[in-house]
Full PDB file with SEQRES, HELIX, SHEET, SSBOND, CRYST1, ORIGX, SCALE, CONECT and MASTER records, all heavy atoms in Angstrom:
SEQRES   1 A   32  PHE GLY ILE PRO LEU ASN LEU VAL LEU LEU ASN GLU ILE          
SEQRES   2 A   32  GLY GLN LEU MET LEU LEU TRP VAL GLN HIS CYS ALA HIS          
SEQRES   3 A   32  ARG LEU GLU GLU ALA PHE                                      
HELIX    1 AA1 GLY A    2  ALA A   31  1                                  30    
CRYST1    1.000    1.000    1.000  90.00  90.00  90.00 P 1           1          
ORIGX1      1.000000  0.000000  0.000000        0.00000                         
ORIGX2      0.000000  1.000000  0.000000        0.00000                         
ORIGX3      0.000000  0.000000  1.000000        0.00000                         
SCALE1      1.000000  0.000000  0.000000        0.00000                         
SCALE2      0.000000  1.000000  0.000000        0.00000                         
SCALE3      0.000000  0.000000  1.000000        0.00000                         
ATOM      1  N   PHE A   1     -81.739  -0.141  13.874  1.00  0.00           N  
ATOM      2  CA  PHE A   1     -81.490  -0.888  12.650  1.00  0.00           C  
ATOM      3  C   PHE A   1     -80.817  -0.028  11.573  1.00  0.00           C  
ATOM      4  O   PHE A   1     -80.150  -0.556  10.680  1.00  0.00           O  
ATOM      5  CB  PHE A   1     -82.805  -1.452  12.095  1.00  0.00           C  
ATOM      6  CG  PHE A   1     -83.426  -2.491  12.967  1.00  0.00           C  
ATOM      7  CD1 PHE A   1     -84.423  -2.153  13.871  1.00  0.00           C  
ATOM      8  CD2 PHE A   1     -83.008  -3.802  12.909  1.00  0.00           C  
ATOM      9  CE1 PHE A   1     -85.002  -3.113  14.685  1.00  0.00           C  
ATOM     10  CE2 PHE A   1     -83.578  -4.777  13.721  1.00  0.00           C  
ATOM     11  CZ  PHE A   1     -84.580  -4.424  14.617  1.00  0.00           C  
ATOM     12  N   GLY A   2     -80.997   1.277  11.658  1.00  0.00           N  
ATOM     13  CA  GLY A   2     -80.457   2.148  10.624  1.00  0.00           C  
ATOM     14  C   GLY A   2     -78.970   2.394  10.739  1.00  0.00           C  
ATOM     15  O   GLY A   2     -78.274   2.527   9.728  1.00  0.00           O  
ATOM     16  N   ILE A   3     -78.441   2.440  11.972  1.00  0.00           N  
ATOM     17  CA  ILE A   3     -77.007   2.709  12.153  1.00  0.00           C  
ATOM     18  C   ILE A   3     -76.154   1.585  11.563  1.00  0.00           C  
ATOM     19  O   ILE A   3     -75.200   1.849  10.826  1.00  0.00           O  
ATOM     20  CB  ILE A   3     -76.697   2.951  13.643  1.00  0.00           C  
ATOM     21  CG1 ILE A   3     -77.315   4.282  14.096  1.00  0.00           C  
ATOM     22  CG2 ILE A   3     -75.193   2.967  13.890  1.00  0.00           C  
ATOM     23  CD1 ILE A   3     -77.179   4.549  15.584  1.00  0.00           C  
ATOM     24  N   PRO A   4     -76.438   0.294  11.842  1.00  0.00           N  
ATOM     25  CA  PRO A   4     -75.650  -0.753  11.162  1.00  0.00           C  
ATOM     26  C   PRO A   4     -75.787  -0.716   9.645  1.00  0.00           C  
ATOM     27  O   PRO A   4     -74.806  -0.929   8.917  1.00  0.00           O  
ATOM     28  CB  PRO A   4     -76.224  -2.054  11.737  1.00  0.00           C  
ATOM     29  CG  PRO A   4     -76.839  -1.667  13.033  1.00  0.00           C  
ATOM     30  CD  PRO A   4     -77.374  -0.289  12.818  1.00  0.00           C  
ATOM     31  N   LEU A   5     -77.007  -0.459   9.167  1.00  0.00           N  
ATOM     32  CA  LEU A   5     -77.202  -0.353   7.723  1.00  0.00           C  
ATOM     33  C   LEU A   5     -76.374   0.788   7.146  1.00  0.00           C  
ATOM     34  O   LEU A   5     -75.772   0.650   6.067  1.00  0.00           O  
ATOM     35  CB  LEU A   5     -78.684  -0.142   7.421  1.00  0.00           C  
ATOM     36  CG  LEU A   5     -79.061   0.059   5.949  1.00  0.00           C  
ATOM     37  CD1 LEU A   5     -78.705  -1.178   5.136  1.00  0.00           C  
ATOM     38  CD2 LEU A   5     -80.540   0.383   5.821  1.00  0.00           C  
ATOM     39  N   ASN A   6     -76.313   1.890   7.860  1.00  0.00           N  
ATOM     40  CA  ASN A   6     -75.522   3.033   7.393  1.00  0.00           C  
ATOM     41  C   ASN A   6     -74.038   2.692   7.345  1.00  0.00           C  
ATOM     42  O   ASN A   6     -73.336   3.060   6.398  1.00  0.00           O  
ATOM     43  CB  ASN A   6     -75.764   4.223   8.316  1.00  0.00           C  
ATOM     44  CG  ASN A   6     -74.897   5.417   7.978  1.00  0.00           C  
ATOM     45  OD1 ASN A   6     -75.113   6.112   6.995  1.00  0.00           O  
ATOM     46  ND2 ASN A   6     -73.894   5.661   8.796  1.00  0.00           N  
ATOM     47  N   LEU A   7     -73.544   1.964   8.347  1.00  0.00           N  
ATOM     48  CA  LEU A   7     -72.128   1.589   8.364  1.00  0.00           C  
ATOM     49  C   LEU A   7     -71.784   0.669   7.197  1.00  0.00           C  
ATOM     50  O   LEU A   7     -70.732   0.824   6.556  1.00  0.00           O  
ATOM     51  CB  LEU A   7     -71.792   0.917   9.698  1.00  0.00           C  
ATOM     52  CG  LEU A   7     -71.879   1.799  10.943  1.00  0.00           C  
ATOM     53  CD1 LEU A   7     -71.608   0.983  12.195  1.00  0.00           C  
ATOM     54  CD2 LEU A   7     -70.912   2.974  10.850  1.00  0.00           C  
ATOM     55  N   VAL A   8     -72.673  -0.286   6.924  1.00  0.00           N  
ATOM     56  CA  VAL A   8     -72.435  -1.187   5.794  1.00  0.00           C  
ATOM     57  C   VAL A   8     -72.424  -0.406   4.486  1.00  0.00           C  
ATOM     58  O   VAL A   8     -71.558  -0.615   3.615  1.00  0.00           O  
ATOM     59  CB  VAL A   8     -73.504  -2.296   5.767  1.00  0.00           C  
ATOM     60  CG1 VAL A   8     -73.390  -3.130   4.499  1.00  0.00           C  
ATOM     61  CG2 VAL A   8     -73.373  -3.188   6.996  1.00  0.00           C  
ATOM     62  N   LEU A   9     -73.382   0.505   4.332  1.00  0.00           N  
ATOM     63  CA  LEU A   9     -73.459   1.287   3.098  1.00  0.00           C  
ATOM     64  C   LEU A   9     -72.240   2.184   2.940  1.00  0.00           C  
ATOM     65  O   LEU A   9     -71.690   2.308   1.836  1.00  0.00           O  
ATOM     66  CB  LEU A   9     -74.737   2.120   3.091  1.00  0.00           C  
ATOM     67  CG  LEU A   9     -74.959   2.991   1.846  1.00  0.00           C  
ATOM     68  CD1 LEU A   9     -75.025   2.121   0.589  1.00  0.00           C  
ATOM     69  CD2 LEU A   9     -76.218   3.826   1.992  1.00  0.00           C  
ATOM     70  N   LEU A  10     -71.798   2.819   4.017  1.00  0.00           N  
ATOM     71  CA  LEU A  10     -70.613   3.673   3.941  1.00  0.00           C  
ATOM     72  C   LEU A  10     -69.385   2.872   3.526  1.00  0.00           C  
ATOM     73  O   LEU A  10     -68.563   3.345   2.725  1.00  0.00           O  
ATOM     74  CB  LEU A  10     -70.367   4.354   5.292  1.00  0.00           C  
ATOM     75  CG  LEU A  10     -71.347   5.444   5.720  1.00  0.00           C  
ATOM     76  CD1 LEU A  10     -70.936   6.013   7.066  1.00  0.00           C  
ATOM     77  CD2 LEU A  10     -71.425   6.551   4.677  1.00  0.00           C  
ATOM     78  N   ASN A  11     -69.248   1.657   4.063  1.00  0.00           N  
ATOM     79  CA  ASN A  11     -68.112   0.815   3.690  1.00  0.00           C  
ATOM     80  C   ASN A  11     -68.161   0.444   2.213  1.00  0.00           C  
ATOM     81  O   ASN A  11     -67.131   0.489   1.518  1.00  0.00           O  
ATOM     82  CB  ASN A  11     -68.104  -0.437   4.559  1.00  0.00           C  
ATOM     83  CG  ASN A  11     -66.918  -1.328   4.267  1.00  0.00           C  
ATOM     84  OD1 ASN A  11     -65.773  -0.963   4.489  1.00  0.00           O  
ATOM     85  ND2 ASN A  11     -67.195  -2.508   3.747  1.00  0.00           N  
ATOM     86  N   GLU A  12     -69.353   0.101   1.715  1.00  0.00           N  
ATOM     87  CA  GLU A  12     -69.477  -0.272   0.303  1.00  0.00           C  
ATOM     88  C   GLU A  12     -69.217   0.929  -0.607  1.00  0.00           C  
ATOM     89  O   GLU A  12     -68.544   0.804  -1.638  1.00  0.00           O  
ATOM     90  CB  GLU A  12     -70.873  -0.841   0.031  1.00  0.00           C  
ATOM     91  CG  GLU A  12     -71.134  -2.183   0.703  1.00  0.00           C  
ATOM     92  CD  GLU A  12     -70.197  -3.265   0.204  1.00  0.00           C  
ATOM     93  OE1 GLU A  12     -69.847  -3.230  -0.996  1.00  0.00           O  
ATOM     94  OE2 GLU A  12     -69.810  -4.126   1.006  1.00  0.00           O  
ATOM     95  N   ILE A  13     -69.724   2.096  -0.238  1.00  0.00           N  
ATOM     96  CA  ILE A  13     -69.482   3.289  -1.050  1.00  0.00           C  
ATOM     97  C   ILE A  13     -68.002   3.645  -1.041  1.00  0.00           C  
ATOM     98  O   ILE A  13     -67.428   4.017  -2.071  1.00  0.00           O  
ATOM     99  CB  ILE A  13     -70.333   4.467  -0.540  1.00  0.00           C  
ATOM    100  CG1 ILE A  13     -71.821   4.183  -0.765  1.00  0.00           C  
ATOM    101  CG2 ILE A  13     -69.947   5.758  -1.245  1.00  0.00           C  
ATOM    102  CD1 ILE A  13     -72.732   5.256  -0.204  1.00  0.00           C  
ATOM    103  N   GLY A  14     -67.355   3.501   0.134  1.00  0.00           N  
ATOM    104  CA  GLY A  14     -65.930   3.776   0.209  1.00  0.00           C  
ATOM    105  C   GLY A  14     -65.116   2.835  -0.659  1.00  0.00           C  
ATOM    106  O   GLY A  14     -64.180   3.262  -1.352  1.00  0.00           O  
ATOM    107  N   GLN A  15     -65.470   1.547  -0.647  1.00  0.00           N  
ATOM    108  CA  GLN A  15     -64.766   0.593  -1.498  1.00  0.00           C  
ATOM    109  C   GLN A  15     -64.995   0.901  -2.976  1.00  0.00           C  
ATOM    110  O   GLN A  15     -64.081   0.756  -3.801  1.00  0.00           O  
ATOM    111  CB  GLN A  15     -65.233  -0.833  -1.178  1.00  0.00           C  
ATOM    112  CG  GLN A  15     -64.875  -1.296   0.220  1.00  0.00           C  
ATOM    113  CD  GLN A  15     -63.387  -1.348   0.460  1.00  0.00           C  
ATOM    114  OE1 GLN A  15     -62.599  -1.624  -0.448  1.00  0.00           O  
ATOM    115  NE2 GLN A  15     -62.978  -1.060   1.684  1.00  0.00           N  
ATOM    116  N   LEU A  16     -66.217   1.327  -3.324  1.00  0.00           N  
ATOM    117  CA  LEU A  16     -66.506   1.684  -4.709  1.00  0.00           C  
ATOM    118  C   LEU A  16     -65.688   2.900  -5.144  1.00  0.00           C  
ATOM    119  O   LEU A  16     -65.167   2.942  -6.262  1.00  0.00           O  
ATOM    120  CB  LEU A  16     -68.008   1.962  -4.868  1.00  0.00           C  
ATOM    121  CG  LEU A  16     -68.507   2.233  -6.294  1.00  0.00           C  
ATOM    122  CD1 LEU A  16     -68.279   1.008  -7.170  1.00  0.00           C  
ATOM    123  CD2 LEU A  16     -69.988   2.599  -6.274  1.00  0.00           C  
ATOM    124  N   MET A  17     -65.575   3.879  -4.247  1.00  0.00           N  
ATOM    125  CA  MET A  17     -64.739   5.046  -4.550  1.00  0.00           C  
ATOM    126  C   MET A  17     -63.291   4.635  -4.753  1.00  0.00           C  
ATOM    127  O   MET A  17     -62.613   5.121  -5.673  1.00  0.00           O  
ATOM    128  CB  MET A  17     -64.835   6.065  -3.407  1.00  0.00           C  
ATOM    129  CG  MET A  17     -66.152   6.784  -3.300  1.00  0.00           C  
ATOM    130  SD  MET A  17     -66.138   7.969  -1.926  1.00  0.00           S  
ATOM    131  CE  MET A  17     -67.759   8.711  -2.124  1.00  0.00           C  
ATOM    132  N   LEU A  18     -62.810   3.728  -3.903  1.00  0.00           N  
ATOM    133  CA  LEU A  18     -61.426   3.282  -4.022  1.00  0.00           C  
ATOM    134  C   LEU A  18     -61.197   2.553  -5.344  1.00  0.00           C  
ATOM    135  O   LEU A  18     -60.170   2.758  -6.009  1.00  0.00           O  
ATOM    136  CB  LEU A  18     -61.081   2.376  -2.844  1.00  0.00           C  
ATOM    137  CG  LEU A  18     -59.642   1.852  -2.797  1.00  0.00           C  
ATOM    138  CD1 LEU A  18     -58.661   3.006  -2.708  1.00  0.00           C  
ATOM    139  CD2 LEU A  18     -59.465   0.916  -1.609  1.00  0.00           C  
ATOM    140  N   LEU A  19     -62.149   1.712  -5.752  1.00  0.00           N  
ATOM    141  CA  LEU A  19     -62.017   1.017  -7.026  1.00  0.00           C  
ATOM    142  C   LEU A  19     -62.025   1.998  -8.195  1.00  0.00           C  
ATOM    143  O   LEU A  19     -61.276   1.822  -9.166  1.00  0.00           O  
ATOM    144  CB  LEU A  19     -63.163   0.009  -7.184  1.00  0.00           C  
ATOM    145  CG  LEU A  19     -63.118  -1.211  -6.262  1.00  0.00           C  
ATOM    146  CD1 LEU A  19     -64.357  -2.068  -6.459  1.00  0.00           C  
ATOM    147  CD2 LEU A  19     -61.857  -2.027  -6.510  1.00  0.00           C  
ATOM    148  N   TRP A  20     -62.851   3.028  -8.105  1.00  0.00           N  
ATOM    149  CA  TRP A  20     -62.900   4.021  -9.181  1.00  0.00           C  
ATOM    150  C   TRP A  20     -61.588   4.780  -9.281  1.00  0.00           C  
ATOM    151  O   TRP A  20     -61.068   5.009 -10.378  1.00  0.00           O  
ATOM    152  CB  TRP A  20     -64.055   4.983  -8.928  1.00  0.00           C  
ATOM    153  CG  TRP A  20     -64.173   6.050  -9.960  1.00  0.00           C  
ATOM    154  CD1 TRP A  20     -64.706   5.946 -11.208  1.00  0.00           C  
ATOM    155  CD2 TRP A  20     -63.719   7.408  -9.830  1.00  0.00           C  
ATOM    156  NE1 TRP A  20     -64.621   7.146 -11.873  1.00  0.00           N  
ATOM    157  CE2 TRP A  20     -64.016   8.067 -11.051  1.00  0.00           C  
ATOM    158  CE3 TRP A  20     -63.106   8.132  -8.817  1.00  0.00           C  
ATOM    159  CZ2 TRP A  20     -63.721   9.402 -11.272  1.00  0.00           C  
ATOM    160  CZ3 TRP A  20     -62.809   9.473  -9.021  1.00  0.00           C  
ATOM    161  CH2 TRP A  20     -63.111  10.081 -10.246  1.00  0.00           C  
ATOM    162  N   VAL A  21     -61.035   5.159  -8.138  1.00  0.00           N  
ATOM    163  CA  VAL A  21     -59.755   5.870  -8.142  1.00  0.00           C  
ATOM    164  C   VAL A  21     -58.646   4.979  -8.666  1.00  0.00           C  
ATOM    165  O   VAL A  21     -57.779   5.408  -9.440  1.00  0.00           O  
ATOM    166  CB  VAL A  21     -59.438   6.382  -6.718  1.00  0.00           C  
ATOM    167  CG1 VAL A  21     -58.034   6.960  -6.652  1.00  0.00           C  
ATOM    168  CG2 VAL A  21     -60.447   7.448  -6.305  1.00  0.00           C  
ATOM    169  N   GLN A  22     -58.659   3.701  -8.260  1.00  0.00           N  
ATOM    170  CA  GLN A  22     -57.646   2.762  -8.755  1.00  0.00           C  
ATOM    171  C   GLN A  22     -57.772   2.561 -10.256  1.00  0.00           C  
ATOM    172  O   GLN A  22     -56.764   2.441 -10.965  1.00  0.00           O  
ATOM    173  CB  GLN A  22     -57.786   1.431  -8.018  1.00  0.00           C  
ATOM    174  CG  GLN A  22     -57.359   1.469  -6.572  1.00  0.00           C  
ATOM    175  CD  GLN A  22     -57.595   0.156  -5.875  1.00  0.00           C  
ATOM    176  OE1 GLN A  22     -58.322  -0.702  -6.373  1.00  0.00           O  
ATOM    177  NE2 GLN A  22     -56.999  -0.021  -4.704  1.00  0.00           N  
ATOM    178  N   HIS A  23     -58.998   2.524 -10.758  1.00  0.00           N  
ATOM    179  CA  HIS A  23     -59.206   2.377 -12.200  1.00  0.00           C  
ATOM    180  C   HIS A  23     -58.645   3.586 -12.944  1.00  0.00           C  
ATOM    181  O   HIS A  23     -57.952   3.436 -13.966  1.00  0.00           O  
ATOM    182  CB  HIS A  23     -60.701   2.220 -12.486  1.00  0.00           C  
ATOM    183  CG  HIS A  23     -61.024   2.136 -13.943  1.00  0.00           C  
ATOM    184  ND1 HIS A  23     -60.720   1.030 -14.724  1.00  0.00           N  
ATOM    185  CD2 HIS A  23     -61.624   3.032 -14.788  1.00  0.00           C  
ATOM    186  CE1 HIS A  23     -61.102   1.240 -15.964  1.00  0.00           C  
ATOM    187  NE2 HIS A  23     -61.669   2.443 -16.033  1.00  0.00           N  
ATOM    188  N   CYS A  24     -58.924   4.788 -12.437  1.00  0.00           N  
ATOM    189  CA  CYS A  24     -58.385   5.995 -13.084  1.00  0.00           C  
ATOM    190  C   CYS A  24     -56.868   6.022 -13.020  1.00  0.00           C  
ATOM    191  O   CYS A  24     -56.200   6.391 -13.995  1.00  0.00           O  
ATOM    192  CB  CYS A  24     -58.976   7.240 -12.416  1.00  0.00           C  
ATOM    193  SG  CYS A  24     -60.752   7.445 -12.629  1.00  0.00           S  
ATOM    194  N   ALA A  25     -56.328   5.629 -11.875  1.00  0.00           N  
ATOM    195  CA  ALA A  25     -54.875   5.612 -11.744  1.00  0.00           C  
ATOM    196  C   ALA A  25     -54.242   4.597 -12.683  1.00  0.00           C  
ATOM    197  O   ALA A  25     -53.174   4.834 -13.257  1.00  0.00           O  
ATOM    198  CB  ALA A  25     -54.495   5.315 -10.297  1.00  0.00           C  
ATOM    199  N   HIS A  26     -54.904   3.457 -12.852  1.00  0.00           N  
ATOM    200  CA  HIS A  26     -54.389   2.435 -13.772  1.00  0.00           C  
ATOM    201  C   HIS A  26     -54.377   2.952 -15.206  1.00  0.00           C  
ATOM    202  O   HIS A  26     -53.423   2.691 -15.957  1.00  0.00           O  
ATOM    203  CB  HIS A  26     -55.239   1.177 -13.658  1.00  0.00           C  
ATOM    204  CG  HIS A  26     -54.757   0.052 -14.529  1.00  0.00           C  
ATOM    205  ND1 HIS A  26     -53.555  -0.596 -14.311  1.00  0.00           N  
ATOM    206  CD2 HIS A  26     -55.308  -0.533 -15.636  1.00  0.00           C  
ATOM    207  CE1 HIS A  26     -53.388  -1.533 -15.233  1.00  0.00           C  
ATOM    208  NE2 HIS A  26     -54.440  -1.511 -16.044  1.00  0.00           N  
ATOM    209  N   ARG A  27     -55.422   3.703 -15.575  1.00  0.00           N  
ATOM    210  CA  ARG A  27     -55.446   4.272 -16.917  1.00  0.00           C  
ATOM    211  C   ARG A  27     -54.302   5.276 -17.098  1.00  0.00           C  
ATOM    212  O   ARG A  27     -53.653   5.319 -18.159  1.00  0.00           O  
ATOM    213  CB  ARG A  27     -56.790   4.956 -17.154  1.00  0.00           C  
ATOM    214  CG  ARG A  27     -57.954   3.986 -17.299  1.00  0.00           C  
ATOM    215  CD  ARG A  27     -57.764   3.126 -18.546  1.00  0.00           C  
ATOM    216  NE  ARG A  27     -58.865   2.213 -18.772  1.00  0.00           N  
ATOM    217  CZ  ARG A  27     -59.964   2.522 -19.452  1.00  0.00           C  
ATOM    218  NH1 ARG A  27     -60.092   3.734 -19.977  1.00  0.00           N  
ATOM    219  NH2 ARG A  27     -60.921   1.633 -19.620  1.00  0.00           N  
ATOM    220  N   LEU A  28     -54.038   6.082 -16.057  1.00  0.00           N  
ATOM    221  CA  LEU A  28     -52.938   7.037 -16.148  1.00  0.00           C  
ATOM    222  C   LEU A  28     -51.589   6.325 -16.217  1.00  0.00           C  
ATOM    223  O   LEU A  28     -50.670   6.780 -16.909  1.00  0.00           O  
ATOM    224  CB  LEU A  28     -52.968   7.982 -14.940  1.00  0.00           C  
ATOM    225  CG  LEU A  28     -54.149   8.962 -14.873  1.00  0.00           C  
ATOM    226  CD1 LEU A  28     -54.095   9.773 -13.579  1.00  0.00           C  
ATOM    227  CD2 LEU A  28     -54.130   9.901 -16.076  1.00  0.00           C  
ATOM    228  N   GLU A  29     -51.465   5.209 -15.499  1.00  0.00           N  
ATOM    229  CA  GLU A  29     -50.218   4.445 -15.567  1.00  0.00           C  
ATOM    230  C   GLU A  29     -49.965   3.927 -16.973  1.00  0.00           C  
ATOM    231  O   GLU A  29     -48.837   3.971 -17.476  1.00  0.00           O  
ATOM    232  CB  GLU A  29     -50.287   3.272 -14.588  1.00  0.00           C  
ATOM    233  CG  GLU A  29     -50.262   3.686 -13.126  1.00  0.00           C  
ATOM    234  CD  GLU A  29     -50.494   2.493 -12.228  1.00  0.00           C  
ATOM    235  OE1 GLU A  29     -50.325   1.349 -12.691  1.00  0.00           O  
ATOM    236  OE2 GLU A  29     -50.850   2.711 -11.054  1.00  0.00           O  
ATOM    237  N   GLU A  30     -51.029   3.416 -17.592  1.00  0.00           N  
ATOM    238  CA  GLU A  30     -50.867   2.898 -18.945  1.00  0.00           C  
ATOM    239  C   GLU A  30     -50.568   4.011 -19.943  1.00  0.00           C  
ATOM    240  O   GLU A  30     -49.818   3.801 -20.903  1.00  0.00           O  
ATOM    241  CB  GLU A  30     -52.138   2.162 -19.360  1.00  0.00           C  
ATOM    242  CG  GLU A  30     -52.387   0.882 -18.572  1.00  0.00           C  
ATOM    243  CD  GLU A  30     -53.665   0.204 -19.018  1.00  0.00           C  
ATOM    244  OE1 GLU A  30     -54.441   0.861 -19.757  1.00  0.00           O  
ATOM    245  OE2 GLU A  30     -53.887  -0.968 -18.643  1.00  0.00           O  
ATOM    246  N   ALA A  31     -51.129   5.192 -19.711  1.00  0.00           N  
ATOM    247  CA  ALA A  31     -50.936   6.293 -20.651  1.00  0.00           C  
ATOM    248  C   ALA A  31     -49.570   6.945 -20.499  1.00  0.00           C  
ATOM    249  O   ALA A  31     -48.917   7.293 -21.490  1.00  0.00           O  
ATOM    250  CB  ALA A  31     -52.043   7.337 -20.480  1.00  0.00           C  
ATOM    251  N   PHE A  32     -49.117   7.108 -19.238  1.00  0.00           N  
ATOM    252  CA  PHE A  32     -47.871   7.849 -19.005  1.00  0.00           C  
ATOM    253  C   PHE A  32     -46.765   6.973 -18.428  1.00  0.00           C  
ATOM    254  O   PHE A  32     -45.699   7.485 -18.096  1.00  0.00           O  
ATOM    255  CB  PHE A  32     -48.132   9.023 -18.046  1.00  0.00           C  
ATOM    256  CG  PHE A  32     -49.138  10.015 -18.578  1.00  0.00           C  
ATOM    257  CD1 PHE A  32     -50.461   9.963 -18.167  1.00  0.00           C  
ATOM    258  CD2 PHE A  32     -48.759  10.980 -19.498  1.00  0.00           C  
ATOM    259  CE1 PHE A  32     -51.390  10.871 -18.650  1.00  0.00           C  
ATOM    260  CE2 PHE A  32     -49.679  11.888 -19.991  1.00  0.00           C  
ATOM    261  CZ  PHE A  32     -51.001  11.833 -19.570  1.00  0.00           C  
TER     262      PHE A  32                                                      
MASTER        0    0    0    1    0    0    0    6  261    1    0    3          
END                                                                             
């Protein structure tokens, strides 16, 4: 039961990281 849970969590954390990077990049686009 833990391996599927781990895969789901890794996917969600990866998507959260991607959203954070996109947010920072968007701020840099607006600034520069």
